[in-house]
Amino acid sequence: MTEYRKGPVLLRGKNVPETSSSERLLDDHGNADWLHSDPWRVLRIQSEFVEGFGALAELGPAISVFGSARTKPGTAFYEMGETIGRLLVEAGFSVITGGGPGVMEAANKGAHEAGGTSVGLGIELPHEEGVNQYANLGINFRYFFARKTMFVKYAQGFIVLPGGFGTFDELFESLTLVQTRTVTRFPIVLVGHHYWDGLVEWLRESVLPEGTISEADFDLFTVTDDPAEAVAIVQDYSRQRAEDRAGAVFAAQEEDA
């Protein structure tokens, strides 16, 4: 039976709505009815940020893993997602995913079975299931932008497996945030040369010549086929960042002395 989570409310069967909270928020009503409903939505949106911050504030070092919800168990990239989830936990990270099936479930499963913290940030969508069974810390969001904030705020890096429009959205948003220095730079690793090399080639042969990106932007991400290398990249970056912070603190103490 299809389940639909609307905040803390669970709906099934005929009670499942045809539209999501995000769709209703962004809908152009063509009249002034929104004046009576949108101010209340602001409070609901605020509560999502408060709940998300409260649930994840003590998470510790974490990596967000993105990828397709349509990847089937037993396939190469599902198994790769499991491996990445396990290796991240063994490297001292919690694992954050979108909480759905496919690659997200695989990474959550690998993290959970390795005894780590397996986070699923679900989203309210019509006719979609809630957070997968392998997330041992799950949060359901009504609004995409609140959920996206949690992906970035509590992650020290992104590992991206093959996926569709949702995965591309998360990838390019993370690249944009790093490129524009909106966030402290973090590693972005794409897994699967045969899947991502065509995109990289298009960026280099079509986008770069137009001057809309620079050569330096290709340093913002790494492509690999090896799950262990993907985890090593984010681990090395996290270690270097910790050393830099420790050095900055020591320098400040020396200066004060």
C-alpha atoms as a PDB file:
ATOM      1  CA  MET A   1       0.000   0.000   0.000  1.00  0.00           C
ATOM      2  CA  THR A   2       1.279   3.467  -0.891  1.00  0.00           C
ATOM      3  CA  GLU A   3       2.235   5.554   2.111  1.00  0.00           C
ATOM      4  CA  TYR A   4       2.564   9.321   2.179  1.00  0.00           C
ATOM      5  CA  ARG A   5       4.121  11.224   5.030  1.00  0.00           C
ATOM      6  CA  LYS A   6       2.970  14.797   5.475  1.00  0.00           C
ATOM      7  CA  GLY A   7       5.185  16.054   8.259  1.00  0.00           C
ATOM      8  CA  PRO A   8       4.340  13.843  11.259  1.00  0.00           C
ATOM      9  CA  VAL A   9       1.105  12.654   9.605  1.00  0.00           C
ATOM     10  CA  LEU A  10       0.979   9.279   7.805  1.00  0.00           C
ATOM     11  CA  LEU A  11      -1.566   8.960   4.979  1.00  0.00           C
ATOM     12  CA  ARG A  12      -2.547   5.808   3.067  1.00  0.00           C
ATOM     13  CA  GLY A  13      -4.960   4.778   0.347  1.00  0.00           C
ATOM     14  CA  LYS A  14      -7.525   7.371  -0.705  1.00  0.00           C
ATOM     15  CA  ASN A  15      -6.040   9.904   1.709  1.00  0.00           C
ATOM     16  CA  VAL A  16      -2.827  10.226  -0.339  1.00  0.00           C
ATOM     17  CA  PRO A  17      -2.905  13.694  -1.980  1.00  0.00           C
ATOM     18  CA  GLU A  18      -2.190  14.289  -5.661  1.00  0.00           C
ATOM     19  CA  THR A  19       0.171  17.226  -5.007  1.00  0.00           C
ATOM     20  CA  SER A  20       3.077  17.860  -2.643  1.00  0.00           C
ATOM     21  CA  SER A  21       3.632  20.714  -0.212  1.00  0.00           C
ATOM     22  CA  SER A  22       6.361  22.133  -2.461  1.00  0.00           C
ATOM     23  CA  GLU A  23       4.033  22.089  -5.483  1.00  0.00           C
ATOM     24  CA  ARG A  24       1.309  23.864  -3.565  1.00  0.00           C
ATOM     25  CA  LEU A  25       3.778  26.427  -2.251  1.00  0.00           C
ATOM     26  CA  LEU A  26       5.053  27.269  -5.743  1.00  0.00           C
ATOM     27  CA  ASP A  27       1.674  27.152  -7.467  1.00  0.00           C
ATOM     28  CA  ASP A  28       0.441  30.374  -9.078  1.00  0.00           C
ATOM     29  CA  HIS A  29      -3.144  30.612  -7.818  1.00  0.00           C
ATOM     30  CA  GLY A  30      -4.026  33.626  -9.956  1.00  0.00           C
ATOM     31  CA  ASN A  31      -5.777  35.274  -7.008  1.00  0.00           C
ATOM     32  CA  ALA A  32      -5.051  36.524  -3.501  1.00  0.00           C
ATOM     33  CA  ASP A  33      -5.858  33.287  -1.659  1.00  0.00           C
ATOM     34  CA  TRP A  34      -2.159  32.749  -0.991  1.00  0.00           C
ATOM     35  CA  LEU A  35      -2.187  35.758   1.331  1.00  0.00           C
ATOM     36  CA  HIS A  36      -4.183  33.709   3.795  1.00  0.00           C
ATOM     37  CA  SER A  37      -2.186  30.486   3.521  1.00  0.00           C
ATOM     38  CA  ASP A  38       1.449  31.392   2.794  1.00  0.00           C
ATOM     39  CA  PRO A  39       2.130  33.219   6.097  1.00  0.00           C
ATOM     40  CA  TRP A  40       1.235  29.989   7.907  1.00  0.00           C
ATOM     41  CA  ARG A  41       3.523  28.056   5.564  1.00  0.00           C
ATOM     42  CA  VAL A  42       6.406  30.236   6.748  1.00  0.00           C
ATOM     43  CA  LEU A  43       5.960  28.826  10.252  1.00  0.00           C
ATOM     44  CA  ARG A  44       5.896  25.278   8.888  1.00  0.00           C
ATOM     45  CA  ILE A  45       9.054  25.939   6.874  1.00  0.00           C
ATOM     46  CA  GLN A  46      10.698  27.402   9.967  1.00  0.00           C
ATOM     47  CA  SER A  47       9.819  24.288  11.934  1.00  0.00           C
ATOM     48  CA  GLU A  48      11.489  22.083   9.307  1.00  0.00           C
ATOM     49  CA  PHE A  49      14.755  23.967   9.688  1.00  0.00           C
ATOM     50  CA  VAL A  50      14.524  23.825  13.487  1.00  0.00           C
ATOM     51  CA  GLU A  51      13.791  20.085  13.497  1.00  0.00           C
ATOM     52  CA  GLY A  52      16.540  19.359  10.962  1.00  0.00           C
ATOM     53  CA  PHE A  53      19.141  21.399  12.815  1.00  0.00           C
ATOM     54  CA  GLY A  54      18.137  19.801  16.099  1.00  0.00           C
ATOM     55  CA  ALA A  55      18.316  16.244  14.771  1.00  0.00           C
ATOM     56  CA  LEU A  56      21.680  16.654  13.013  1.00  0.00           C
ATOM     57  CA  ALA A  57      23.526  19.139  15.223  1.00  0.00           C
ATOM     58  CA  GLU A  58      25.604  16.438  16.953  1.00  0.00           C
ATOM     59  CA  LEU A  59      26.034  14.209  13.902  1.00  0.00           C
ATOM     60  CA  GLY A  60      29.790  14.733  13.596  1.00  0.00           C
ATOM     61  CA  PRO A  61      31.785  14.246  10.375  1.00  0.00           C
ATOM     62  CA  ALA A  62      29.478  13.108   7.575  1.00  0.00           C
ATOM     63  CA  ILE A  63      29.454  12.585   3.811  1.00  0.00           C
ATOM     64  CA  SER A  64      26.390  12.972   1.578  1.00  0.00           C
ATOM     65  CA  VAL A  65      25.936  10.203  -1.003  1.00  0.00           C
ATOM     66  CA  PHE A  66      23.726  10.914  -4.019  1.00  0.00           C
ATOM     67  CA  GLY A  67      22.441   8.637  -6.770  1.00  0.00           C
ATOM     68  CA  SER A  68      19.411   7.231  -8.528  1.00  0.00           C
ATOM     69  CA  ALA A  69      16.339   5.979  -6.679  1.00  0.00           C
ATOM     70  CA  ARG A  70      15.798   3.563  -9.598  1.00  0.00           C
ATOM     71  CA  THR A  71      18.976   1.525  -9.180  1.00  0.00           C
ATOM     72  CA  LYS A  72      17.991  -2.064  -8.383  1.00  0.00           C
ATOM     73  CA  PRO A  73      19.477  -4.283  -5.645  1.00  0.00           C
ATOM     74  CA  GLY A  74      22.066  -6.657  -7.023  1.00  0.00           C
ATOM     75  CA  THR A  75      23.269  -4.269  -9.746  1.00  0.00           C
ATOM     76  CA  ALA A  76      26.833  -3.003  -9.875  1.00  0.00           C
ATOM     77  CA  PHE A  77      26.059   0.511  -8.683  1.00  0.00           C
ATOM     78  CA  TYR A  78      23.781  -0.701  -5.874  1.00  0.00           C
ATOM     79  CA  GLU A  79      26.603  -2.891  -4.588  1.00  0.00           C
ATOM     80  CA  MET A  80      29.008   0.000  -5.040  1.00  0.00           C
ATOM     81  CA  GLY A  81      26.706   2.188  -2.949  1.00  0.00           C
ATOM     82  CA  GLU A  82      26.750  -0.435  -0.180  1.00  0.00           C
ATOM     83  CA  THR A  83      30.536  -0.558  -0.310  1.00  0.00           C
ATOM     84  CA  ILE A  84      30.848   3.217  -0.134  1.00  0.00           C
ATOM     85  CA  GLY A  85      28.472   3.373   2.841  1.00  0.00           C
ATOM     86  CA  ARG A  86      30.501   0.748   4.682  1.00  0.00           C
ATOM     87  CA  LEU A  87      33.875   2.308   3.869  1.00  0.00           C
ATOM     88  CA  LEU A  88      32.704   5.738   4.977  1.00  0.00           C
ATOM     89  CA  VAL A  89      31.691   4.380   8.374  1.00  0.00           C
ATOM     90  CA  GLU A  90      35.011   2.561   8.689  1.00  0.00           C
ATOM     91  CA  ALA A  91      36.732   5.877   7.906  1.00  0.00           C
ATOM     92  CA  GLY A  92      34.862   7.579  10.752  1.00  0.00           C
ATOM     93  CA  PHE A  93      32.024   9.274   8.840  1.00  0.00           C
ATOM     94  CA  SER A  94      28.271   9.195   9.143  1.00  0.00           C
ATOM     95  CA  VAL A  95      26.425   8.711   5.844  1.00  0.00           C
ATOM     96  CA  ILE A  96      23.703  11.070   4.628  1.00  0.00           C
ATOM     97  CA  THR A  97      21.392  10.203   1.721  1.00  0.00           C
ATOM     98  CA  GLY A  98      18.026  11.314   0.405  1.00  0.00           C
ATOM     99  CA  GLY A  99      16.502   8.387   2.276  1.00  0.00           C
ATOM    100  CA  GLY A 100      14.884   6.779  -0.775  1.00  0.00           C
ATOM    101  CA  PRO A 101      15.401   3.455  -2.558  1.00  0.00           C
ATOM    102  CA  GLY A 102      18.132   2.623  -5.083  1.00  0.00           C
ATOM    103  CA  VAL A 103      21.594   4.045  -4.499  1.00  0.00           C
ATOM    104  CA  MET A 104      20.360   5.916  -1.427  1.00  0.00           C
ATOM    105  CA  GLU A 105      19.119   2.712   0.162  1.00  0.00           C
ATOM    106  CA  ALA A 106      22.377   0.972  -0.753  1.00  0.00           C
ATOM    107  CA  ALA A 107      24.564   3.589   0.942  1.00  0.00           C
ATOM    108  CA  ASN A 108      22.291   3.612   4.003  1.00  0.00           C
ATOM    109  CA  LYS A 109      22.424  -0.186   4.108  1.00  0.00           C
ATOM    110  CA  GLY A 110      26.217  -0.284   3.948  1.00  0.00           C
ATOM    111  CA  ALA A 111      26.497   2.311   6.707  1.00  0.00           C
ATOM    112  CA  HIS A 112      23.872   0.664   8.910  1.00  0.00           C
ATOM    113  CA  GLU A 113      25.340  -2.819   8.607  1.00  0.00           C
ATOM    114  CA  ALA A 114      28.794  -1.411   9.411  1.00  0.00           C
ATOM    115  CA  GLY A 115      27.400  -0.083  12.696  1.00  0.00           C
ATOM    116  CA  GLY A 116      27.508   3.586  11.761  1.00  0.00           C
ATOM    117  CA  THR A 117      25.027   6.436  11.698  1.00  0.00           C
ATOM    118  CA  SER A 118      22.911   6.109   8.565  1.00  0.00           C
ATOM    119  CA  VAL A 119      20.914   9.272   7.864  1.00  0.00           C
ATOM    120  CA  GLY A 120      17.974   9.475   5.461  1.00  0.00           C
ATOM    121  CA  LEU A 121      16.604  12.902   4.557  1.00  0.00           C
ATOM    122  CA  GLY A 122      13.289  12.034   2.935  1.00  0.00           C
ATOM    123  CA  ILE A 123      10.999  14.320   0.956  1.00  0.00           C
ATOM    124  CA  GLU A 124       7.221  14.440   0.721  1.00  0.00           C
ATOM    125  CA  LEU A 125       6.262  13.291  -2.781  1.00  0.00           C
ATOM    126  CA  PRO A 126       2.926  11.864  -3.951  1.00  0.00           C
ATOM    127  CA  HIS A 127       2.870   8.068  -4.384  1.00  0.00           C
ATOM    128  CA  GLU A 128       6.397   7.598  -3.057  1.00  0.00           C
ATOM    129  CA  GLU A 129       7.477   5.605  -0.026  1.00  0.00           C
ATOM    130  CA  GLY A 130       9.071   7.202   3.013  1.00  0.00           C
ATOM    131  CA  VAL A 131      12.602   6.806   4.345  1.00  0.00           C
ATOM    132  CA  ASN A 132      14.160   3.414   3.613  1.00  0.00           C
ATOM    133  CA  GLN A 133      14.535   0.795   6.338  1.00  0.00           C
ATOM    134  CA  TYR A 134      18.318   1.155   6.605  1.00  0.00           C
ATOM    135  CA  ALA A 135      18.325   4.764   7.771  1.00  0.00           C
ATOM    136  CA  ASN A 136      18.696   4.692  11.540  1.00  0.00           C
ATOM    137  CA  LEU A 137      18.200   8.453  11.696  1.00  0.00           C
ATOM    138  CA  GLY A 138      15.444   9.634   9.379  1.00  0.00           C
ATOM    139  CA  ILE A 139      13.828  13.020   8.790  1.00  0.00           C
ATOM    140  CA  ASN A 140      10.930  13.646   6.410  1.00  0.00           C
ATOM    141  CA  PHE A 141      10.790  17.094   4.810  1.00  0.00           C
ATOM    142  CA  ARG A 142       7.892  18.823   3.099  1.00  0.00           C
ATOM    143  CA  TYR A 143      10.113  21.311   1.242  1.00  0.00           C
ATOM    144  CA  PHE A 144      13.089  20.609  -1.015  1.00  0.00           C
ATOM    145  CA  PHE A 145      15.013  23.724  -0.041  1.00  0.00           C
ATOM    146  CA  ALA A 146      14.956  22.862   3.672  1.00  0.00           C
ATOM    147  CA  ARG A 147      16.149  19.351   2.874  1.00  0.00           C
ATOM    148  CA  LYS A 148      18.917  20.608   0.575  1.00  0.00           C
ATOM    149  CA  THR A 149      20.230  22.864   3.321  1.00  0.00           C
ATOM    150  CA  MET A 150      20.738  19.807   5.543  1.00  0.00           C
ATOM    151  CA  PHE A 151      22.666  17.967   2.813  1.00  0.00           C
ATOM    152  CA  VAL A 152      25.169  20.809   2.604  1.00  0.00           C
ATOM    153  CA  LYS A 153      25.327  22.075   6.179  1.00  0.00           C
ATOM    154  CA  TYR A 154      26.144  18.733   7.778  1.00  0.00           C
ATOM    155  CA  ALA A 155      28.359  17.142   5.100  1.00  0.00           C
ATOM    156  CA  GLN A 156      32.103  17.441   4.657  1.00  0.00           C
ATOM    157  CA  GLY A 157      31.963  16.109   1.114  1.00  0.00           C
ATOM    158  CA  PHE A 158      29.753  14.610  -1.595  1.00  0.00           C
ATOM    159  CA  ILE A 159      30.045  11.267  -3.348  1.00  0.00           C
ATOM    160  CA  VAL A 160      27.818  11.060  -6.428  1.00  0.00           C
ATOM    161  CA  LEU A 161      26.872   7.814  -8.143  1.00  0.00           C
ATOM    162  CA  PRO A 162      24.912   7.626 -11.421  1.00  0.00           C
ATOM    163  CA  GLY A 163      21.462   9.171 -11.209  1.00  0.00           C
ATOM    164  CA  GLY A 164      18.876  11.238 -12.996  1.00  0.00           C
ATOM    165  CA  PHE A 165      17.576  14.790 -12.783  1.00  0.00           C
ATOM    166  CA  GLY A 166      17.501  14.824  -8.979  1.00  0.00           C
ATOM    167  CA  THR A 167      21.118  13.678  -8.806  1.00  0.00           C
ATOM    168  CA  PHE A 168      22.160  16.243 -11.435  1.00  0.00           C
ATOM    169  CA  ASP A 169      20.385  18.945  -9.446  1.00  0.00           C
ATOM    170  CA  GLU A 170      22.251  18.021  -6.265  1.00  0.00           C
ATOM    171  CA  LEU A 171      25.571  17.738  -8.131  1.00  0.00           C
ATOM    172  CA  PHE A 172      25.383  21.090  -9.883  1.00  0.00           C
ATOM    173  CA  GLU A 173      24.087  22.858  -6.803  1.00  0.00           C
ATOM    174  CA  SER A 174      27.060  21.589  -4.798  1.00  0.00           C
ATOM    175  CA  LEU A 175      29.455  22.617  -7.588  1.00  0.00           C
ATOM    176  CA  THR A 176      27.879  26.070  -7.704  1.00  0.00           C
ATOM    177  CA  LEU A 177      28.139  26.543  -3.940  1.00  0.00           C
ATOM    178  CA  VAL A 178      31.833  25.615  -3.991  1.00  0.00           C
ATOM    179  CA  GLN A 179      32.610  27.570  -7.166  1.00  0.00           C
ATOM    180  CA  THR A 180      31.043  30.759  -5.808  1.00  0.00           C
ATOM    181  CA  ARG A 181      32.611  30.205  -2.368  1.00  0.00           C
ATOM    182  CA  THR A 182      29.181  30.287  -0.816  1.00  0.00           C
ATOM    183  CA  VAL A 183      30.356  27.379   1.336  1.00  0.00           C
ATOM    184  CA  THR A 184      33.750  26.256   2.550  1.00  0.00           C
ATOM    185  CA  ARG A 185      35.181  24.100  -0.201  1.00  0.00           C
ATOM    186  CA  PHE A 186      34.537  20.376   0.163  1.00  0.00           C
ATOM    187  CA  PRO A 187      35.423  17.427  -2.090  1.00  0.00           C
ATOM    188  CA  ILE A 188      32.979  16.261  -4.762  1.00  0.00           C
ATOM    189  CA  VAL A 189      33.624  12.786  -6.174  1.00  0.00           C
ATOM    190  CA  LEU A 190      31.756  11.304  -9.154  1.00  0.00           C
ATOM    191  CA  VAL A 191      31.773   7.497  -9.276  1.00  0.00           C
ATOM    192  CA  GLY A 192      31.614   5.777 -12.673  1.00  0.00           C
ATOM    193  CA  HIS A 193      33.769   6.971 -15.561  1.00  0.00           C
ATOM    194  CA  HIS A 194      31.518   5.499 -18.241  1.00  0.00           C
ATOM    195  CA  TYR A 195      28.553   7.414 -16.833  1.00  0.00           C
ATOM    196  CA  TRP A 196      30.173  10.777 -16.044  1.00  0.00           C
ATOM    197  CA  ASP A 197      32.904  11.131 -18.685  1.00  0.00           C
ATOM    198  CA  GLY A 198      30.400  12.221 -21.352  1.00  0.00           C
ATOM    199  CA  LEU A 199      29.221  15.043 -19.113  1.00  0.00           C
ATOM    200  CA  VAL A 200      32.785  16.101 -18.358  1.00  0.00           C
ATOM    201  CA  GLU A 201      33.604  16.034 -22.081  1.00  0.00           C
ATOM    202  CA  TRP A 202      30.574  18.228 -22.822  1.00  0.00           C
ATOM    203  CA  LEU A 203      31.636  20.702 -20.150  1.00  0.00           C
ATOM    204  CA  ARG A 204      35.141  20.841 -21.599  1.00  0.00           C
ATOM    205  CA  GLU A 205      34.224  20.959 -25.305  1.00  0.00           C
ATOM    206  CA  SER A 206      31.000  23.009 -25.254  1.00  0.00           C
ATOM    207  CA  VAL A 207      30.757  24.979 -22.017  1.00  0.00           C
ATOM    208  CA  LEU A 208      34.396  25.933 -21.440  1.00  0.00           C
ATOM    209  CA  PRO A 209      34.942  27.441 -24.941  1.00  0.00           C
ATOM    210  CA  GLU A 210      31.944  29.717 -24.360  1.00  0.00           C
ATOM    211  CA  GLY A 211      33.702  31.140 -21.321  1.00  0.00           C
ATOM    212  CA  THR A 212      30.822  30.298 -18.983  1.00  0.00           C
ATOM    213  CA  ILE A 213      33.113  28.208 -16.781  1.00  0.00           C
ATOM    214  CA  SER A 214      36.881  28.286 -16.319  1.00  0.00           C
ATOM    215  CA  GLU A 215      39.585  25.633 -16.523  1.00  0.00           C
ATOM    216  CA  ALA A 216      39.981  25.852 -12.750  1.00  0.00           C
ATOM    217  CA  ASP A 217      36.400  24.665 -12.290  1.00  0.00           C
ATOM    218  CA  PHE A 218      37.440  21.169 -13.361  1.00  0.00           C
ATOM    219  CA  ASP A 219      39.455  20.981 -10.149  1.00  0.00           C
ATOM    220  CA  LEU A 220      36.226  21.146  -8.142  1.00  0.00           C
ATOM    221  CA  PHE A 221      35.471  17.460  -8.724  1.00  0.00           C
ATOM    222  CA  THR A 222      37.134  14.095  -9.283  1.00  0.00           C
ATOM    223  CA  VAL A 223      35.903  11.111 -11.308  1.00  0.00           C
ATOM    224  CA  THR A 224      36.805   7.563 -10.269  1.00  0.00           C
ATOM    225  CA  ASP A 225      35.643   3.974 -10.689  1.00  0.00           C
ATOM    226  CA  ASP A 226      36.983   2.879  -7.317  1.00  0.00           C
ATOM    227  CA  PRO A 227      34.787   3.189  -4.192  1.00  0.00           C
ATOM    228  CA  ALA A 228      37.881   3.000  -1.983  1.00  0.00           C
ATOM    229  CA  GLU A 229      39.473   5.907  -3.859  1.00  0.00           C
ATOM    230  CA  ALA A 230      36.271   7.944  -3.540  1.00  0.00           C
ATOM    231  CA  VAL A 231      36.287   7.470   0.229  1.00  0.00           C
ATOM    232  CA  ALA A 232      40.045   8.125   0.453  1.00  0.00           C
ATOM    233  CA  ILE A 233      39.588  11.476  -1.344  1.00  0.00           C
ATOM    234  CA  VAL A 234      36.976  12.744   1.113  1.00  0.00           C
ATOM    235  CA  GLN A 235      38.938  11.314   4.031  1.00  0.00           C
ATOM    236  CA  ASP A 236      42.186  13.036   2.981  1.00  0.00           C
ATOM    237  CA  TYR A 237      40.362  16.325   2.493  1.00  0.00           C
ATOM    238  CA  SER A 238      38.714  16.053   5.896  1.00  0.00           C
ATOM    239  CA  ARG A 239      42.047  15.270   7.544  1.00  0.00           C
ATOM    240  CA  GLN A 240      43.747  18.219   5.830  1.00  0.00           C
ATOM    241  CA  ARG A 241      40.928  20.539   6.838  1.00  0.00           C
ATOM    242  CA  ALA A 242      41.234  19.429  10.474  1.00  0.00           C
ATOM    243  CA  GLU A 243      44.995  19.998  10.380  1.00  0.00           C
ATOM    244  CA  ASP A 244      44.527  23.463   8.871  1.00  0.00           C
ATOM    245  CA  ARG A 245      42.037  24.381  11.581  1.00  0.00           C
ATOM    246  CA  ALA A 246      44.350  23.123  14.310  1.00  0.00           C
ATOM    247  CA  GLY A 247      47.208  25.118  12.784  1.00  0.00           C
ATOM    248  CA  ALA A 248      45.091  28.263  12.656  1.00  0.00           C
ATOM    249  CA  VAL A 249      44.116  27.870  16.313  1.00  0.00           C
ATOM    250  CA  PHE A 250      47.748  27.327  17.328  1.00  0.00           C
ATOM    251  CA  ALA A 251      48.846  30.390  15.338  1.00  0.00           C
ATOM    252  CA  ALA A 252      46.165  32.509  16.991  1.00  0.00           C
ATOM    253  CA  GLN A 253      47.232  31.327  20.451  1.00  0.00           C
ATOM    254  CA  GLU A 254      50.876  32.120  19.675  1.00  0.00           C
ATOM    255  CA  GLU A 255      49.911  35.577  18.487  1.00  0.00           C
ATOM    256  CA  ASP A 256      47.899  36.269  21.644  1.00  0.00           C
ATOM    257  CA  ALA A 257      50.802  35.089  23.794  1.00  0.00           C
END
